[in-house]
All heavy atoms as atom14 arrays in JSON, in Angstrom:
{
  "sequence": "VFTGSRVTICGDVKVERNSFIGANVCILPKVQIKKNVVIAAGSVVINN",
  "atom14_mask": [
    [1, 1, 1, 1, 1, 1, 1, 0, 0, 0, 0, 0, 0, 0],
    [1, 1, 1, 1, 1, 1, 1, 1, 1, 1, 1, 0, 0, 0],
    [1, 1, 1, 1, 1, 1, 1, 0, 0, 0, 0, 0, 0, 0],
    [1, 1, 1, 1, 0, 0, 0, 0, 0, 0, 0, 0, 0, 0],
    [1, 1, 1, 1, 1, 1, 0, 0, 0, 0, 0, 0, 0, 0],
    [1, 1, 1, 1, 1, 1, 1, 1, 1, 1, 1, 0, 0, 0],
    [1, 1, 1, 1, 1, 1, 1, 0, 0, 0, 0, 0, 0, 0],
    [1, 1, 1, 1, 1, 1, 1, 0, 0, 0, 0, 0, 0, 0],
    [1, 1, 1, 1, 1, 1, 1, 1, 0, 0, 0, 0, 0, 0],
    [1, 1, 1, 1, 1, 1, 0, 0, 0, 0, 0, 0, 0, 0],
    [1, 1, 1, 1, 0, 0, 0, 0, 0, 0, 0, 0, 0, 0],
    [1, 1, 1, 1, 1, 1, 1, 1, 0, 0, 0, 0, 0, 0],
    [1, 1, 1, 1, 1, 1, 1, 0, 0, 0, 0, 0, 0, 0],
    [1, 1, 1, 1, 1, 1, 1, 1, 1, 0, 0, 0, 0, 0],
    [1, 1, 1, 1, 1, 1, 1, 0, 0, 0, 0, 0, 0, 0],
    [1, 1, 1, 1, 1, 1, 1, 1, 1, 0, 0, 0, 0, 0],
    [1, 1, 1, 1, 1, 1, 1, 1, 1, 1, 1, 0, 0, 0],
    [1, 1, 1, 1, 1, 1, 1, 1, 0, 0, 0, 0, 0, 0],
    [1, 1, 1, 1, 1, 1, 0, 0, 0, 0, 0, 0, 0, 0],
    [1, 1, 1, 1, 1, 1, 1, 1, 1, 1, 1, 0, 0, 0],
    [1, 1, 1, 1, 1, 1, 1, 1, 0, 0, 0, 0, 0, 0],
    [1, 1, 1, 1, 0, 0, 0, 0, 0, 0, 0, 0, 0, 0],
    [1, 1, 1, 1, 1, 0, 0, 0, 0, 0, 0, 0, 0, 0],
    [1, 1, 1, 1, 1, 1, 1, 1, 0, 0, 0, 0, 0, 0],
    [1, 1, 1, 1, 1, 1, 1, 0, 0, 0, 0, 0, 0, 0],
    [1, 1, 1, 1, 1, 1, 0, 0, 0, 0, 0, 0, 0, 0],
    [1, 1, 1, 1, 1, 1, 1, 1, 0, 0, 0, 0, 0, 0],
    [1, 1, 1, 1, 1, 1, 1, 1, 0, 0, 0, 0, 0, 0],
    [1, 1, 1, 1, 1, 1, 1, 0, 0, 0, 0, 0, 0, 0],
    [1, 1, 1, 1, 1, 1, 1, 1, 1, 0, 0, 0, 0, 0],
    [1, 1, 1, 1, 1, 1, 1, 0, 0, 0, 0, 0, 0, 0],
    [1, 1, 1, 1, 1, 1, 1, 1, 1, 0, 0, 0, 0, 0],
    [1, 1, 1, 1, 1, 1, 1, 1, 0, 0, 0, 0, 0, 0],
    [1, 1, 1, 1, 1, 1, 1, 1, 1, 0, 0, 0, 0, 0],
    [1, 1, 1, 1, 1, 1, 1, 1, 1, 0, 0, 0, 0, 0],
    [1, 1, 1, 1, 1, 1, 1, 1, 0, 0, 0, 0, 0, 0],
    [1, 1, 1, 1, 1, 1, 1, 0, 0, 0, 0, 0, 0, 0],
    [1, 1, 1, 1, 1, 1, 1, 0, 0, 0, 0, 0, 0, 0],
    [1, 1, 1, 1, 1, 1, 1, 1, 0, 0, 0, 0, 0, 0],
    [1, 1, 1, 1, 1, 0, 0, 0, 0, 0, 0, 0, 0, 0],
    [1, 1, 1, 1, 1, 0, 0, 0, 0, 0, 0, 0, 0, 0],
    [1, 1, 1, 1, 0, 0, 0, 0, 0, 0, 0, 0, 0, 0],
    [1, 1, 1, 1, 1, 1, 0, 0, 0, 0, 0, 0, 0, 0],
    [1, 1, 1, 1, 1, 1, 1, 0, 0, 0, 0, 0, 0, 0],
    [1, 1, 1, 1, 1, 1, 1, 0, 0, 0, 0, 0, 0, 0],
    [1, 1, 1, 1, 1, 1, 1, 1, 0, 0, 0, 0, 0, 0],
    [1, 1, 1, 1, 1, 1, 1, 1, 0, 0, 0, 0, 0, 0],
    [1, 1, 1, 1, 1, 1, 1, 1, 0, 0, 0, 0, 0, 0]
  ],
  "atom14_positions": [
    [[0.86, -1.19, 0.0], [0.0, 0.0, 0.0], [0.9, 1.23, 0.0], [1.89, 1.29, 0.73], [-0.94, 0.01, 1.22], [-1.68, 1.34, 1.35], [-1.94, -1.14, 1.12], [0.0, 0.0, 0.0], [0.0, 0.0, 0.0], [0.0, 0.0, 0.0], [0.0, 0.0, 0.0], [0.0, 0.0, 0.0], [0.0, 0.0, 0.0], [0.0, 0.0, 0.0]],
    [[0.54, 2.22, -0.82], [1.29, 3.48, -0.89], [0.39, 4.61, -0.46], [-0.76, 4.69, -0.89], [1.75, 3.74, -2.34], [2.46, 5.04, -2.5], [3.83, 5.12, -2.36], [1.75, 6.2, -2.77], [4.49, 6.34, -2.48], [2.39, 7.43, -2.91], [3.77, 7.49, -2.77], [0.0, 0.0, 0.0], [0.0, 0.0, 0.0], [0.0, 0.0, 0.0]],
    [[0.9, 5.49, 0.4], [0.16, 6.69, 0.76], [0.96, 7.92, 0.37], [2.17, 7.96, 0.51], [-0.14, 6.79, 2.27], [1.06, 7.08, 2.98], [-0.78, 5.52, 2.8], [0.0, 0.0, 0.0], [0.0, 0.0, 0.0], [0.0, 0.0, 0.0], [0.0, 0.0, 0.0], [0.0, 0.0, 0.0], [0.0, 0.0, 0.0], [0.0, 0.0, 0.0]],
    [[0.26, 8.93, -0.11], [0.87, 10.22, -0.35], [1.05, 10.96, 0.96], [0.69, 10.46, 2.03], [0.0, 0.0, 0.0], [0.0, 0.0, 0.0], [0.0, 0.0, 0.0], [0.0, 0.0, 0.0], [0.0, 0.0, 0.0], [0.0, 0.0, 0.0], [0.0, 0.0, 0.0], [0.0, 0.0, 0.0], [0.0, 0.0, 0.0], [0.0, 0.0, 0.0]],
    [[1.6, 12.15, 0.9], [1.82, 12.97, 2.11], [0.5, 13.38, 2.75], [-0.51, 13.56, 2.08], [2.6, 14.23, 1.73], [3.84, 13.89, 1.22], [0.0, 0.0, 0.0], [0.0, 0.0, 0.0], [0.0, 0.0, 0.0], [0.0, 0.0, 0.0], [0.0, 0.0, 0.0], [0.0, 0.0, 0.0], [0.0, 0.0, 0.0], [0.0, 0.0, 0.0]],
    [[0.55, 13.52, 4.06], [-0.56, 14.04, 4.87], [-1.84, 13.22, 4.8], [-2.95, 13.76, 4.87], [-0.84, 15.5, 4.52], [0.27, 16.43, 4.89], [-0.08, 17.88, 4.59], [0.99, 18.76, 4.98], [1.95, 19.16, 4.16], [1.99, 18.75, 2.9], [2.9, 19.96, 4.59], [0.0, 0.0, 0.0], [0.0, 0.0, 0.0], [0.0, 0.0, 0.0]],
    [[-1.72, 11.93, 4.66], [-2.89, 11.05, 4.69], [-3.28, 10.82, 6.14], [-2.43, 10.62, 7.0], [-2.57, 9.71, 3.98], [-3.6, 8.65, 4.29], [-2.45, 9.93, 2.49], [0.0, 0.0, 0.0], [0.0, 0.0, 0.0], [0.0, 0.0, 0.0], [0.0, 0.0, 0.0], [0.0, 0.0, 0.0], [0.0, 0.0, 0.0], [0.0, 0.0, 0.0]],
    [[-4.59, 10.84, 6.42], [-5.11, 10.51, 7.74], [-6.03, 9.3, 7.6], [-7.03, 9.37, 6.88], [-5.9, 11.69, 8.35], [-5.02, 12.81, 8.46], [-6.45, 11.33, 9.72], [0.0, 0.0, 0.0], [0.0, 0.0, 0.0], [0.0, 0.0, 0.0], [0.0, 0.0, 0.0], [0.0, 0.0, 0.0], [0.0, 0.0, 0.0], [0.0, 0.0, 0.0]],
    [[-5.67, 8.23, 8.29], [-6.49, 7.03, 8.29], [-6.96, 6.84, 9.73], [-6.17, 6.53, 10.63], [-5.7, 5.81, 7.78], [-5.22, 6.06, 6.35], [-6.57, 4.55, 7.85], [-4.38, 4.94, 5.75], [0.0, 0.0, 0.0], [0.0, 0.0, 0.0], [0.0, 0.0, 0.0], [0.0, 0.0, 0.0], [0.0, 0.0, 0.0], [0.0, 0.0, 0.0]],
    [[-8.26, 7.08, 9.94], [-8.84, 7.04, 11.29], [-8.93, 5.61, 11.82], [-8.66, 4.65, 11.1], [-10.21, 7.72, 11.27], [-10.12, 9.46, 10.83], [0.0, 0.0, 0.0], [0.0, 0.0, 0.0], [0.0, 0.0, 0.0], [0.0, 0.0, 0.0], [0.0, 0.0, 0.0], [0.0, 0.0, 0.0], [0.0, 0.0, 0.0], [0.0, 0.0, 0.0]],
    [[-9.33, 5.46, 13.06], [-9.31, 4.19, 13.77], [-10.06, 3.04, 13.12], [-11.12, 3.21, 12.53], [0.0, 0.0, 0.0], [0.0, 0.0, 0.0], [0.0, 0.0, 0.0], [0.0, 0.0, 0.0], [0.0, 0.0, 0.0], [0.0, 0.0, 0.0], [0.0, 0.0, 0.0], [0.0, 0.0, 0.0], [0.0, 0.0, 0.0], [0.0, 0.0, 0.0]],
    [[-9.45, 1.86, 13.25], [-10.04, 0.58, 12.84], [-10.34, 0.47, 11.35], [-11.24, -0.27, 10.93], [-11.3, 0.28, 13.66], [-11.0, 0.16, 15.14], [-10.01, -0.51, 15.49], [-11.73, 0.76, 15.96], [0.0, 0.0, 0.0], [0.0, 0.0, 0.0], [0.0, 0.0, 0.0], [0.0, 0.0, 0.0], [0.0, 0.0, 0.0], [0.0, 0.0, 0.0]],
    [[-9.6, 1.18, 10.53], [-9.73, 1.09, 9.08], [-8.9, -0.08, 8.58], [-7.83, -0.36, 9.11], [-9.26, 2.4, 8.4], [-9.11, 2.24, 6.89], [-10.22, 3.53, 8.72], [0.0, 0.0, 0.0], [0.0, 0.0, 0.0], [0.0, 0.0, 0.0], [0.0, 0.0, 0.0], [0.0, 0.0, 0.0], [0.0, 0.0, 0.0], [0.0, 0.0, 0.0]],
    [[-9.39, -0.76, 7.54], [-8.64, -1.83, 6.89], [-8.4, -1.45, 5.44], [-9.35, -1.14, 4.71], [-9.4, -3.15, 6.98], [-9.48, -3.66, 8.4], [-10.12, -5.02, 8.49], [-10.06, -5.46, 9.92], [-11.31, -5.74, 10.53], [0.0, 0.0, 0.0], [0.0, 0.0, 0.0], [0.0, 0.0, 0.0], [0.0, 0.0, 0.0], [0.0, 0.0, 0.0]],
    [[-7.14, -1.48, 5.03], [-6.77, -1.19, 3.65], [-6.09, -2.44, 3.1], [-5.03, -2.84, 3.61], [-5.82, 0.02, 3.53], [-5.48, 0.28, 2.06], [-6.44, 1.26, 4.17], [0.0, 0.0, 0.0], [0.0, 0.0, 0.0], [0.0, 0.0, 0.0], [0.0, 0.0, 0.0], [0.0, 0.0, 0.0], [0.0, 0.0, 0.0], [0.0, 0.0, 0.0]],
    [[-6.69, -3.06, 2.09], [-6.13, -4.28, 1.53], [-5.0, -3.99, 0.54], [-4.81, -2.85, 0.11], [-7.23, -5.12, 0.88], [-8.18, -5.7, 1.9], [-9.19, -6.64, 1.3], [-9.15, -6.95, 0.09], [-10.07, -7.1, 2.07], [0.0, 0.0, 0.0], [0.0, 0.0, 0.0], [0.0, 0.0, 0.0], [0.0, 0.0, 0.0], [0.0, 0.0, 0.0]],
    [[-4.29, -5.01, 0.16], [-3.05, -4.92, -0.62], [-3.2, -4.2, -1.96], [-4.27, -4.14, -2.54], [-2.45, -6.3, -0.82], [-3.24, -7.21, -1.74], [-2.61, -8.61, -1.78], [-3.31, -9.46, -2.69], [-4.41, -10.13, -2.4], [-4.94, -10.03, -1.2], [-4.99, -10.88, -3.31], [0.0, 0.0, 0.0], [0.0, 0.0, 0.0], [0.0, 0.0, 0.0]],
    [[-2.05, -3.67, -2.38], [-1.89, -3.04, -3.71], [-2.78, -1.81, -3.91], [-3.16, -1.51, -5.04], [-2.13, -4.05, -4.83], [-1.25, -5.27, -4.7], [-0.11, -5.19, -4.27], [-1.8, -6.43, -5.03], [0.0, 0.0, 0.0], [0.0, 0.0, 0.0], [0.0, 0.0, 0.0], [0.0, 0.0, 0.0], [0.0, 0.0, 0.0], [0.0, 0.0, 0.0]],
    [[-3.09, -1.11, -2.84], [-3.92, 0.09, -2.97], [-3.04, 1.34, -2.92], [-1.96, 1.34, -2.34], [-4.97, 0.13, -1.86], [-5.92, -0.9, -2.07], [0.0, 0.0, 0.0], [0.0, 0.0, 0.0], [0.0, 0.0, 0.0], [0.0, 0.0, 0.0], [0.0, 0.0, 0.0], [0.0, 0.0, 0.0], [0.0, 0.0, 0.0], [0.0, 0.0, 0.0]],
    [[-3.54, 2.41, -3.54], [-2.83, 3.69, -3.62], [-3.74, 4.75, -3.02], [-4.88, 4.91, -3.43], [-2.52, 4.04, -5.08], [-1.86, 5.37, -5.24], [-0.48, 5.48, -5.23], [-2.63, 6.52, -5.39], [0.12, 6.72, -5.37], [-2.03, 7.76, -5.53], [-0.64, 7.86, -5.52], [0.0, 0.0, 0.0], [0.0, 0.0, 0.0], [0.0, 0.0, 0.0]],
    [[-3.2, 5.49, -2.05], [-3.96, 6.54, -1.38], [-3.23, 7.85, -1.62], [-2.1, 8.04, -1.16], [-4.08, 6.24, 0.13], [-4.74, 4.87, 0.35], [-4.86, 7.35, 0.83], [-4.69, 4.38, 1.77], [0.0, 0.0, 0.0], [0.0, 0.0, 0.0], [0.0, 0.0, 0.0], [0.0, 0.0, 0.0], [0.0, 0.0, 0.0], [0.0, 0.0, 0.0]],
    [[-3.86, 8.77, -2.36], [-3.23, 10.03, -2.73], [-3.03, 10.97, -1.55], [-3.56, 10.76, -0.45], [0.0, 0.0, 0.0], [0.0, 0.0, 0.0], [0.0, 0.0, 0.0], [0.0, 0.0, 0.0], [0.0, 0.0, 0.0], [0.0, 0.0, 0.0], [0.0, 0.0, 0.0], [0.0, 0.0, 0.0], [0.0, 0.0, 0.0], [0.0, 0.0, 0.0]],
    [[-2.28, 12.03, -1.78], [-1.97, 13.02, -0.76], [-3.23, 13.66, -0.19], [-4.22, 13.85, -0.89], [-1.06, 14.1, -1.34], [0.0, 0.0, 0.0], [0.0, 0.0, 0.0], [0.0, 0.0, 0.0], [0.0, 0.0, 0.0], [0.0, 0.0, 0.0], [0.0, 0.0, 0.0], [0.0, 0.0, 0.0], [0.0, 0.0, 0.0], [0.0, 0.0, 0.0]],
    [[-3.19, 13.97, 1.11], [-4.27, 14.69, 1.81], [-5.6, 13.96, 1.81], [-6.65, 14.58, 1.91], [-4.46, 16.1, 1.23], [-3.28, 16.99, 1.54], [-2.85, 17.08, 2.68], [-2.75, 17.61, 0.51], [0.0, 0.0, 0.0], [0.0, 0.0, 0.0], [0.0, 0.0, 0.0], [0.0, 0.0, 0.0], [0.0, 0.0, 0.0], [0.0, 0.0, 0.0]],
    [[-5.58, 12.65, 1.72], [-6.81, 11.85, 1.82], [-7.14, 11.63, 3.29], [-6.25, 11.45, 4.13], [-6.64, 10.49, 1.11], [-7.76, 9.52, 1.46], [-6.59, 10.7, -0.4], [0.0, 0.0, 0.0], [0.0, 0.0, 0.0], [0.0, 0.0, 0.0], [0.0, 0.0, 0.0], [0.0, 0.0, 0.0], [0.0, 0.0, 0.0], [0.0, 0.0, 0.0]],
    [[-8.43, 11.64, 3.62], [-8.9, 11.28, 4.95], [-9.86, 10.1, 4.81], [-10.81, 10.16, 4.02], [-9.63, 12.46, 5.61], [-10.25, 12.08, 7.26], [0.0, 0.0, 0.0], [0.0, 0.0, 0.0], [0.0, 0.0, 0.0], [0.0, 0.0, 0.0], [0.0, 0.0, 0.0], [0.0, 0.0, 0.0], [0.0, 0.0, 0.0], [0.0, 0.0, 0.0]],
    [[-9.59, 9.04, 5.56], [-10.46, 7.86, 5.57], [-11.07, 7.77, 6.97], [-10.34, 7.66, 7.96], [-9.69, 6.57, 5.23], [-9.02, 6.71, 3.86], [-10.64, 5.37, 5.26], [-8.13, 5.53, 3.48], [0.0, 0.0, 0.0], [0.0, 0.0, 0.0], [0.0, 0.0, 0.0], [0.0, 0.0, 0.0], [0.0, 0.0, 0.0], [0.0, 0.0, 0.0]],
    [[-12.39, 7.84, 7.05], [-13.08, 7.87, 8.34], [-13.07, 6.5, 9.03], [-12.8, 5.48, 8.4], [-14.5, 8.38, 8.15], [-14.6, 9.83, 7.66], [-16.05, 10.28, 7.61], [-13.77, 10.77, 8.51], [0.0, 0.0, 0.0], [0.0, 0.0, 0.0], [0.0, 0.0, 0.0], [0.0, 0.0, 0.0], [0.0, 0.0, 0.0], [0.0, 0.0, 0.0]],
    [[-13.36, 6.46, 10.34], [-13.25, 5.23, 11.13], [-14.05, 4.06, 10.57], [-15.15, 4.24, 10.02], [-13.79, 5.63, 12.5], [-13.59, 7.1, 12.58], [-13.78, 7.59, 11.17], [0.0, 0.0, 0.0], [0.0, 0.0, 0.0], [0.0, 0.0, 0.0], [0.0, 0.0, 0.0], [0.0, 0.0, 0.0], [0.0, 0.0, 0.0], [0.0, 0.0, 0.0]],
    [[-13.47, 2.89, 10.73], [-14.09, 1.58, 10.44], [-14.39, 1.32, 8.97], [-15.07, 0.37, 8.63], [-15.34, 1.38, 11.29], [-15.03, 1.41, 12.77], [-16.23, 1.13, 13.61], [-15.84, 1.18, 15.08], [-16.94, 0.92, 15.97], [0.0, 0.0, 0.0], [0.0, 0.0, 0.0], [0.0, 0.0, 0.0], [0.0, 0.0, 0.0], [0.0, 0.0, 0.0]],
    [[-13.87, 2.14, 8.08], [-14.05, 1.93, 6.64], [-13.14, 0.78, 6.19], [-12.04, 0.61, 6.71], [-13.74, 3.22, 5.85], [-13.63, 2.97, 4.37], [-14.81, 4.27, 6.13], [0.0, 0.0, 0.0], [0.0, 0.0, 0.0], [0.0, 0.0, 0.0], [0.0, 0.0, 0.0], [0.0, 0.0, 0.0], [0.0, 0.0, 0.0], [0.0, 0.0, 0.0]],
    [[-13.62, 0.01, 5.22], [-12.81, -1.06, 4.63], [-12.54, -0.73, 3.17], [-13.47, -0.5, 2.4], [-13.52, -2.4, 4.75], [-13.65, -2.85, 6.19], [-14.18, -4.25, 6.31], [-14.18, -5.02, 5.35], [-14.63, -4.61, 7.49], [0.0, 0.0, 0.0], [0.0, 0.0, 0.0], [0.0, 0.0, 0.0], [0.0, 0.0, 0.0], [0.0, 0.0, 0.0]],
    [[-11.25, -0.73, 2.82], [-10.81, -0.49, 1.45], [-10.3, -1.82, 0.92], [-9.32, -2.36, 1.43], [-9.66, 0.55, 1.41], [-10.03, 1.83, 2.17], [-9.23, 0.83, -0.02], [-11.15, 2.62, 1.62], [0.0, 0.0, 0.0], [0.0, 0.0, 0.0], [0.0, 0.0, 0.0], [0.0, 0.0, 0.0], [0.0, 0.0, 0.0], [0.0, 0.0, 0.0]],
    [[-10.96, -2.37, -0.07], [-10.56, -3.66, -0.62], [-9.32, -3.52, -1.5], [-8.83, -2.42, -1.73], [-11.72, -4.29, -1.4], [-12.92, -4.6, -0.54], [-12.57, -5.6, 0.54], [-13.79, -5.96, 1.39], [-13.48, -6.96, 2.39], [0.0, 0.0, 0.0], [0.0, 0.0, 0.0], [0.0, 0.0, 0.0], [0.0, 0.0, 0.0], [0.0, 0.0, 0.0]],
    [[-8.81, -4.62, -2.04], [-7.54, -4.6, -2.77], [-7.63, -3.85, -4.1], [-8.71, -3.73, -4.69], [-7.04, -6.03, -3.01], [-7.91, -6.85, -3.94], [-7.36, -8.26, -4.06], [-8.25, -9.06, -5.0], [-7.73, -10.4, -5.2], [0.0, 0.0, 0.0], [0.0, 0.0, 0.0], [0.0, 0.0, 0.0], [0.0, 0.0, 0.0], [0.0, 0.0, 0.0]],
    [[-6.47, -3.34, -4.53], [-6.32, -2.68, -5.83], [-7.18, -1.43, -6.0], [-7.69, -1.16, -7.08], [-6.6, -3.65, -6.98], [-5.76, -4.9, -6.9], [-4.58, -4.84, -6.59], [-6.38, -6.03, -7.15], [0.0, 0.0, 0.0], [0.0, 0.0, 0.0], [0.0, 0.0, 0.0], [0.0, 0.0, 0.0], [0.0, 0.0, 0.0], [0.0, 0.0, 0.0]],
    [[-7.32, -0.65, -4.94], [-8.11, 0.58, -4.98], [-7.19, 1.78, -5.15], [-6.1, 1.82, -4.58], [-8.96, 0.72, -3.7], [-9.55, 2.12, -3.55], [-10.07, -0.32, -3.68], [0.0, 0.0, 0.0], [0.0, 0.0, 0.0], [0.0, 0.0, 0.0], [0.0, 0.0, 0.0], [0.0, 0.0, 0.0], [0.0, 0.0, 0.0], [0.0, 0.0, 0.0]],
    [[-7.63, 2.77, -5.94], [-6.92, 4.03, -6.09], [-7.83, 5.13, -5.55], [-8.98, 5.26, -5.99], [-6.56, 4.31, -7.57], [-5.94, 5.7, -7.72], [-5.64, 3.24, -8.11], [0.0, 0.0, 0.0], [0.0, 0.0, 0.0], [0.0, 0.0, 0.0], [0.0, 0.0, 0.0], [0.0, 0.0, 0.0], [0.0, 0.0, 0.0], [0.0, 0.0, 0.0]],
    [[-7.29, 5.92, -4.61], [-8.04, 7.03, -4.02], [-7.32, 8.31, -4.41], [-6.16, 8.51, -4.06], [-8.14, 6.9, -2.5], [-8.76, 5.56, -2.11], [-8.94, 8.08, -1.92], [-8.74, 5.25, -0.62], [0.0, 0.0, 0.0], [0.0, 0.0, 0.0], [0.0, 0.0, 0.0], [0.0, 0.0, 0.0], [0.0, 0.0, 0.0], [0.0, 0.0, 0.0]],
    [[-8.01, 9.19, -5.13], [-7.42, 10.44, -5.61], [-7.1, 11.39, -4.46], [-7.77, 11.4, -3.43], [-8.36, 11.11, -6.6], [0.0, 0.0, 0.0], [0.0, 0.0, 0.0], [0.0, 0.0, 0.0], [0.0, 0.0, 0.0], [0.0, 0.0, 0.0], [0.0, 0.0, 0.0], [0.0, 0.0, 0.0], [0.0, 0.0, 0.0], [0.0, 0.0, 0.0]],
    [[-6.08, 12.21, -4.67], [-5.65, 13.19, -3.68], [-6.81, 14.07, -3.23], [-7.67, 14.44, -4.02], [-4.54, 14.05, -4.26], [0.0, 0.0, 0.0], [0.0, 0.0, 0.0], [0.0, 0.0, 0.0], [0.0, 0.0, 0.0], [0.0, 0.0, 0.0], [0.0, 0.0, 0.0], [0.0, 0.0, 0.0], [0.0, 0.0, 0.0], [0.0, 0.0, 0.0]],
    [[-6.82, 14.38, -1.93], [-7.81, 15.28, -1.37], [-9.17, 14.68, -1.09], [-10.07, 15.38, -0.62], [0.0, 0.0, 0.0], [0.0, 0.0, 0.0], [0.0, 0.0, 0.0], [0.0, 0.0, 0.0], [0.0, 0.0, 0.0], [0.0, 0.0, 0.0], [0.0, 0.0, 0.0], [0.0, 0.0, 0.0], [0.0, 0.0, 0.0], [0.0, 0.0, 0.0]],
    [[-9.33, 13.39, -1.33], [-10.64, 12.75, -1.13], [-10.93, 12.51, 0.35], [-10.02, 12.37, 1.17], [-10.68, 11.41, -1.86], [-10.55, 11.6, -3.25], [0.0, 0.0, 0.0], [0.0, 0.0, 0.0], [0.0, 0.0, 0.0], [0.0, 0.0, 0.0], [0.0, 0.0, 0.0], [0.0, 0.0, 0.0], [0.0, 0.0, 0.0], [0.0, 0.0, 0.0]],
    [[-12.22, 12.43, 0.67], [-12.67, 12.04, 2.01], [-13.51, 10.78, 1.83], [-14.56, 10.81, 1.18], [-13.49, 13.15, 2.7], [-14.0, 12.67, 4.05], [-12.64, 14.4, 2.86], [0.0, 0.0, 0.0], [0.0, 0.0, 0.0], [0.0, 0.0, 0.0], [0.0, 0.0, 0.0], [0.0, 0.0, 0.0], [0.0, 0.0, 0.0], [0.0, 0.0, 0.0]],
    [[-13.04, 9.68, 2.41], [-13.69, 8.38, 2.23], [-14.56, 8.11, 3.44], [-14.08, 8.01, 4.57], [-12.63, 7.26, 2.05], [-13.33, 5.92, 1.81], [-11.69, 7.59, 0.9], [0.0, 0.0, 0.0], [0.0, 0.0, 0.0], [0.0, 0.0, 0.0], [0.0, 0.0, 0.0], [0.0, 0.0, 0.0], [0.0, 0.0, 0.0], [0.0, 0.0, 0.0]],
    [[-15.87, 7.98, 3.19], [-16.83, 7.78, 4.29], [-17.49, 6.4, 4.24], [-18.17, 6.02, 5.19], [-17.9, 8.89, 4.32], [-18.76, 8.87, 3.07], [-17.24, 10.25, 4.5], [-19.95, 9.81, 3.12], [0.0, 0.0, 0.0], [0.0, 0.0, 0.0], [0.0, 0.0, 0.0], [0.0, 0.0, 0.0], [0.0, 0.0, 0.0], [0.0, 0.0, 0.0]],
    [[-17.33, 5.68, 3.13], [-17.96, 4.36, 2.96], [-16.93, 3.31, 2.53], [-15.87, 3.67, 2.02], [-19.04, 4.43, 1.86], [-20.19, 5.31, 2.26], [-20.71, 5.2, 3.36], [-20.57, 6.22, 1.37], [0.0, 0.0, 0.0], [0.0, 0.0, 0.0], [0.0, 0.0, 0.0], [0.0, 0.0, 0.0], [0.0, 0.0, 0.0], [0.0, 0.0, 0.0]],
    [[-17.27, 2.05, 2.71], [-16.42, 0.96, 2.25], [-16.24, 1.05, 0.73], [-17.16, 1.47, 0.02], [-17.03, -0.39, 2.6], [-17.12, -0.61, 4.1], [-16.42, 0.03, 4.89], [-17.99, -1.51, 4.51], [0.0, 0.0, 0.0], [0.0, 0.0, 0.0], [0.0, 0.0, 0.0], [0.0, 0.0, 0.0], [0.0, 0.0, 0.0], [0.0, 0.0, 0.0]]
  ]
}
C-alpha cells in the first residue's frame, strides 16, 4: 500500500493490498478499502 503525504487514516480502518492513497486523503473510522483501490488526492472516504 502506498500513501501520499498528509494522509489521515482514522481508527479501525482496513486497507487491503496493492492500494494507492493520494496526498491529503482522509479515511473515516471503520471503513474497509478492498484490494487494488486508487483514491485520488484530497478525497474524504466515508464508505467501504
